[in-house]
Amino acid sequence: MTADDRLSQQELLRAHGVKPTKKRGQNFLIDGNLARAVAGDVLALSSDVLELGAGGGALTRPLLDAGASVLAVEVDRGLCELLRSELGAEPRFTLHEGDIARLDWAALLAVAGASPVVAGNLPYVLTSEVLFALADHRERTSGGVFMVQREVAQRLVSGPGGKEYGVLSVLLGSLFEIELVRQVPSSVFWPRPDVKSAIVRLKPRADAWEQDEFLAFKDVIKSLFIHRRKQLSRILRTRLNDDADAALDVLSKAGIAPGDRPEQVDRGRLRELARRVTEWEQA
């Protein structure tokens, strides 16, 4: 079957008796041009792909057509039957029937390739979980390409001083170069969602992190951004056993003014601050 002979994504879903369900928050991508563009975004990182939530194969098919090897994850039984029927004969296609929220990431990444890219249209309730899983397994991947709600994309790419700058942008931005690749209109989905979407690409940064440092950094950043608008000297005094001198000392060594607030400080200085705080707490 040639590309021109294939059913459109919406026709394919209907032919297999698939209807979107609110329970799973299903909004199927039905625009072939956008799917091919996103496939290009993915392949710019790797030709080995771990695809999360393959759905009706809207992204899977153009990835395979472009030469990718795809390990697709899908939990919906009806969609798994569709994928097996339509793509099961493809030698570079593997289906894992399972829930994104309960994945054995290490095992799947090992099957997906030497350094696969993780891709997919992420459910809002699982977006942070998937992004932090990518962070935890960053040394085993070539990064990620995800369709997310536009507000999440804006938080990921935001910098100091903006209201979107927070835990997501600091932690993920410290590990990855994050790019908002393209805006996605609601008209490309069936049914049309009430929210706007965007494609983000996360490429691992060259400067490596030791896992122990990242975990300590994560702990410090989360504690700071609970009070994102408070002065750092006050936040750290509380954390450092009510020791005002210690708070001022770690801030000075990190090159941060006592009156600065977490939302005003760039990722590099926050990394140094977290290192100084961890040193003080371990002394």
Protein backbone atom coordinates (compact mmCIF):
# COMPACT_ATOMS: atom_id res chain seq x y z
CA MET A 1 0.00 0.00 0.00
CA THR A 2 1.38 3.41 -0.96
CA ALA A 3 1.07 6.53 1.16
CA ASP A 4 -1.57 7.88 -1.23
CA ASP A 5 -3.72 4.74 -0.78
CA ARG A 6 -3.79 4.93 3.00
CA LEU A 7 -6.81 6.04 4.95
CA SER A 8 -6.58 9.35 6.75
CA GLN A 9 -5.96 9.05 10.49
CA GLN A 10 -9.57 9.86 11.31
CA GLU A 11 -10.86 7.37 8.72
CA LEU A 12 -8.49 4.73 10.09
CA LEU A 13 -9.69 5.23 13.65
CA ARG A 14 -13.31 5.00 12.58
CA ALA A 15 -12.65 1.92 10.44
CA HIS A 16 -11.33 0.17 13.56
CA GLY A 17 -14.28 1.32 15.64
CA VAL A 18 -12.17 3.63 17.78
CA LYS A 19 -13.91 6.55 19.43
CA PRO A 20 -12.16 9.12 21.64
CA THR A 21 -12.93 8.67 25.34
CA LYS A 22 -12.99 11.43 27.94
CA LYS A 23 -11.80 8.96 30.58
CA ARG A 24 -8.40 8.71 28.87
CA GLY A 25 -8.42 12.33 27.71
CA GLN A 26 -7.99 11.19 24.12
CA ASN A 27 -7.50 13.81 21.42
CA PHE A 28 -6.09 12.15 18.32
CA LEU A 29 -3.70 13.95 15.99
CA ILE A 30 -5.29 13.79 12.51
CA ASP A 31 -3.14 16.22 10.52
CA GLY A 32 -0.67 14.29 8.38
CA ASN A 33 1.47 17.30 7.52
CA LEU A 34 2.01 18.14 11.18
CA ALA A 35 2.72 14.48 12.00
CA ARG A 36 5.44 14.37 9.35
CA ALA A 37 6.92 17.63 10.64
CA VAL A 38 7.02 16.28 14.19
CA ALA A 39 8.61 13.07 12.91
CA GLY A 40 11.37 15.27 11.49
CA ASP A 41 11.78 16.96 14.87
CA VAL A 42 12.19 13.53 16.48
CA LEU A 43 14.60 12.16 13.89
CA ALA A 44 16.85 15.20 14.33
CA LEU A 45 17.83 13.61 17.66
CA SER A 46 17.84 9.88 16.88
CA SER A 47 16.44 7.23 14.52
CA ASP A 48 15.67 4.97 17.50
CA VAL A 49 12.42 6.07 19.11
CA LEU A 50 10.52 5.21 22.28
CA GLU A 51 7.05 6.56 21.49
CA LEU A 52 4.69 7.14 24.41
CA GLY A 53 0.97 6.90 23.73
CA ALA A 54 1.11 5.84 20.08
CA GLY A 55 -2.66 6.11 19.68
CA GLY A 56 -3.69 5.36 16.13
CA GLY A 57 -0.15 5.59 14.81
CA ALA A 58 -0.38 9.16 13.51
CA LEU A 59 3.26 9.79 14.43
CA THR A 60 4.39 6.17 14.31
CA ARG A 61 3.70 5.78 10.60
CA PRO A 62 5.74 8.78 9.39
CA LEU A 63 8.57 7.78 11.73
CA LEU A 64 8.67 4.31 10.19
CA ASP A 65 8.36 5.73 6.67
CA ALA A 66 11.42 7.90 7.39
CA GLY A 67 13.49 4.89 8.49
CA ALA A 68 13.12 5.03 12.27
CA SER A 69 12.90 2.03 14.57
CA VAL A 70 9.96 2.55 16.93
CA LEU A 71 9.09 0.94 20.25
CA ALA A 72 5.55 2.19 20.78
CA VAL A 73 3.77 2.24 24.15
CA GLU A 74 -0.03 2.18 24.23
CA VAL A 75 -2.46 1.18 26.98
CA ASP A 76 -5.80 1.25 25.13
CA ARG A 77 -6.63 -2.27 23.94
CA GLY A 78 -8.60 -1.09 20.92
CA LEU A 79 -5.71 1.08 19.79
CA CYS A 80 -3.24 -1.76 20.38
CA GLU A 81 -5.34 -3.93 18.06
CA LEU A 82 -5.30 -1.15 15.47
CA LEU A 83 -1.52 -0.77 15.73
CA ARG A 84 -0.93 -4.50 15.42
CA SER A 85 -3.22 -4.68 12.41
CA GLU A 86 -1.74 -1.68 10.61
CA LEU A 87 1.92 -1.79 11.65
CA GLY A 88 2.55 -5.27 13.01
CA ALA A 89 4.24 -6.44 9.81
CA GLU A 90 6.78 -3.60 9.92
CA PRO A 91 10.19 -5.06 10.92
CA ARG A 92 11.22 -1.87 12.74
CA PHE A 93 8.03 -1.63 14.80
CA THR A 94 7.54 -3.07 18.29
CA LEU A 95 4.46 -2.59 20.46
CA HIS A 96 4.51 -2.52 24.25
CA GLU A 97 1.01 -2.69 25.71
CA GLY A 98 1.25 -0.81 28.97
CA ASP A 99 0.46 2.28 31.01
CA ILE A 100 2.82 5.26 30.76
CA ALA A 101 2.34 5.84 34.49
CA ARG A 102 3.74 2.37 35.30
CA LEU A 103 6.64 1.96 32.90
CA ASP A 104 9.90 0.18 33.62
CA TRP A 105 11.92 2.94 32.00
CA ALA A 106 15.29 1.23 32.15
CA ALA A 107 13.98 -1.95 30.52
CA LEU A 108 12.11 -0.14 27.74
CA LEU A 109 15.00 2.16 26.91
CA ALA A 110 17.31 -0.85 26.67
CA VAL A 111 14.96 -2.42 24.11
CA ALA A 112 14.40 0.83 22.21
CA GLY A 113 18.03 1.26 21.16
CA ALA A 114 21.49 2.41 22.17
CA SER A 115 20.40 6.00 22.78
CA PRO A 116 16.76 6.45 21.75
CA VAL A 117 14.76 9.65 21.67
CA VAL A 118 11.58 9.63 23.75
CA ALA A 119 8.58 11.13 21.97
CA GLY A 120 4.83 11.44 22.24
CA ASN A 121 1.70 13.46 22.87
CA LEU A 122 1.70 13.64 26.67
CA PRO A 123 -1.45 13.59 28.81
CA TYR A 124 -1.45 16.69 30.99
CA VAL A 125 -1.63 14.69 34.24
CA LEU A 126 1.51 12.72 33.30
CA THR A 127 3.60 15.48 31.71
CA SER A 128 5.78 16.24 34.74
CA GLU A 129 6.20 12.54 35.52
CA VAL A 130 7.45 11.79 32.00
CA LEU A 131 9.74 14.83 31.90
CA PHE A 132 11.39 13.91 35.20
CA ALA A 133 11.70 10.28 34.09
CA LEU A 134 13.55 11.57 31.02
CA ALA A 135 15.77 13.59 33.36
CA ASP A 136 16.50 10.57 35.54
CA HIS A 137 17.40 8.43 32.50
CA ARG A 138 19.08 11.20 30.49
CA GLU A 139 22.34 9.27 30.04
CA ARG A 140 20.42 6.53 28.21
CA THR A 141 18.62 8.80 25.76
CA SER A 142 19.21 11.33 23.01
CA GLY A 143 16.56 13.60 24.51
CA GLY A 144 12.84 14.03 23.97
CA VAL A 145 10.26 15.55 21.65
CA PHE A 146 6.83 16.03 23.16
CA MET A 147 3.50 17.58 22.42
CA VAL A 148 2.38 19.33 25.60
CA GLN A 149 -0.08 21.99 26.64
CA ARG A 150 1.19 25.37 25.53
CA GLU A 151 1.36 26.69 29.09
CA VAL A 152 3.70 23.83 30.00
CA ALA A 153 5.88 24.57 26.96
CA GLN A 154 6.11 28.22 28.01
CA ARG A 155 7.16 27.20 31.51
CA LEU A 156 9.84 24.89 30.14
CA VAL A 157 11.49 27.54 27.97
CA SER A 158 11.07 30.48 30.36
CA GLY A 159 13.96 32.38 31.92
CA PRO A 160 14.52 34.30 35.18
CA GLY A 161 12.11 37.09 35.98
CA GLY A 162 9.03 35.67 34.30
CA LYS A 163 6.04 34.22 36.10
CA GLU A 164 6.50 30.89 34.24
CA TYR A 165 10.07 30.44 35.55
CA GLY A 166 9.97 27.73 38.18
CA VAL A 167 10.90 24.18 39.13
CA LEU A 168 10.24 22.71 35.67
CA SER A 169 12.22 25.34 33.79
CA VAL A 170 15.13 25.30 36.25
CA LEU A 171 15.54 21.55 36.66
CA LEU A 172 14.84 20.49 33.07
CA GLY A 173 16.63 23.53 31.63
CA SER A 174 19.74 22.65 33.62
CA LEU A 175 19.92 19.25 31.94
CA PHE A 176 18.57 19.96 28.47
CA GLU A 177 18.61 22.62 25.80
CA ILE A 178 14.86 23.16 25.47
CA GLU A 179 13.29 24.57 22.34
CA LEU A 180 9.65 25.35 21.61
CA VAL A 181 9.72 23.98 18.07
CA ARG A 182 6.21 24.77 16.87
CA GLN A 183 2.77 25.87 18.00
CA VAL A 184 -0.04 23.37 17.49
CA PRO A 185 -3.60 24.56 16.77
CA SER A 186 -6.54 22.67 18.22
CA SER A 187 -7.89 22.07 14.71
CA VAL A 188 -5.37 19.26 14.10
CA PHE A 189 -7.03 17.04 16.73
CA TRP A 190 -10.13 14.88 16.86
CA PRO A 191 -11.98 15.91 18.91
CA ARG A 192 -10.69 19.45 19.28
CA PRO A 193 -9.30 20.09 22.78
CA ASP A 194 -10.14 23.17 24.81
CA VAL A 195 -6.45 23.93 25.34
CA LYS A 196 -3.67 24.94 22.96
CA SER A 197 -0.61 22.75 22.45
CA ALA A 198 3.02 23.05 21.40
CA ILE A 199 5.94 20.84 20.42
CA VAL A 200 9.02 21.02 22.64
CA ARG A 201 12.38 19.41 21.96
CA LEU A 202 14.80 18.60 24.79
CA LYS A 203 18.41 17.95 23.79
CA PRO A 204 20.86 16.86 26.52
CA ARG A 205 23.37 19.54 27.47
CA ALA A 206 27.06 18.83 27.04
CA ASP A 207 27.95 19.55 30.68
CA ALA A 208 27.30 16.34 32.59
CA TRP A 209 25.79 16.07 36.04
CA GLU A 210 26.55 13.40 38.59
CA GLN A 211 23.27 11.86 39.73
CA ASP A 212 23.97 12.65 43.40
CA GLU A 213 24.48 16.31 42.55
CA PHE A 214 21.31 16.45 40.50
CA LEU A 215 19.24 14.86 43.27
CA ALA A 216 20.61 17.38 45.80
CA PHE A 217 20.00 20.21 43.31
CA LYS A 218 16.43 19.00 42.79
CA ASP A 219 15.80 18.97 46.54
CA VAL A 220 17.16 22.49 47.04
CA ILE A 221 15.33 23.97 44.04
CA LYS A 222 11.98 22.54 45.12
CA SER A 223 12.43 23.97 48.62
CA LEU A 224 13.33 27.41 47.22
CA PHE A 225 10.49 27.71 44.74
CA ILE A 226 7.84 26.91 47.32
CA HIS A 227 8.61 30.50 48.37
CA ARG A 228 9.53 31.86 44.93
CA ARG A 229 8.80 35.50 45.84
CA LYS A 230 10.53 35.55 49.21
CA GLN A 231 14.08 36.82 49.63
CA LEU A 232 16.60 34.01 49.44
CA SER A 233 18.29 35.10 52.67
CA ARG A 234 15.03 34.45 54.54
CA ILE A 235 14.34 31.11 52.82
CA LEU A 236 17.86 29.82 53.44
CA ARG A 237 17.97 30.99 57.03
CA THR A 238 15.00 28.73 57.72
CA ARG A 239 16.58 25.81 55.87
CA LEU A 240 19.98 26.22 57.49
CA ASN A 241 18.82 25.78 61.09
CA ASP A 242 17.91 29.43 61.54
CA ASP A 243 21.57 30.41 60.97
CA ALA A 244 21.47 33.88 59.36
CA ASP A 245 25.25 34.05 58.93
CA ALA A 246 25.32 30.69 57.13
CA ALA A 247 22.57 31.86 54.77
CA LEU A 248 24.50 35.01 53.89
CA ASP A 249 27.73 33.04 53.46
CA VAL A 250 26.35 30.49 50.98
CA LEU A 251 24.64 33.27 49.02
CA SER A 252 27.86 35.26 48.82
CA LYS A 253 29.85 32.24 47.64
CA ALA A 254 27.22 31.61 44.96
CA GLY A 255 27.35 35.22 43.78
CA ILE A 256 23.76 35.96 44.75
CA ALA A 257 22.50 39.05 46.58
CA PRO A 258 20.63 38.39 49.86
CA GLY A 259 17.57 40.25 48.60
CA ASP A 260 17.24 38.23 45.39
CA ARG A 261 14.26 35.94 45.00
CA PRO A 262 14.38 32.43 43.49
CA GLU A 263 12.43 33.51 40.42
CA GLN A 264 15.12 36.14 39.64
CA VAL A 265 18.18 33.88 39.66
CA ASP A 266 19.51 32.07 36.59
CA ARG A 267 20.11 28.31 36.47
CA GLY A 268 23.89 28.54 36.70
CA ARG A 269 23.87 30.51 39.94
CA LEU A 270 21.12 28.29 41.36
CA ARG A 271 23.31 25.26 40.65
CA GLU A 272 26.19 26.86 42.54
CA LEU A 273 23.86 27.85 45.38
CA ALA A 274 22.53 24.30 45.66
CA ARG A 275 26.11 23.01 45.78
CA ARG A 276 27.00 25.42 48.61
CA VAL A 277 23.85 24.56 50.56
CA THR A 278 24.55 20.84 50.22
CA GLU A 279 28.16 21.32 51.37
CA TRP A 280 26.97 23.21 54.46
CA GLU A 281 24.37 20.58 55.32
CA GLN A 282 26.86 17.72 54.91
CA ALA A 283 29.64 19.37 56.89
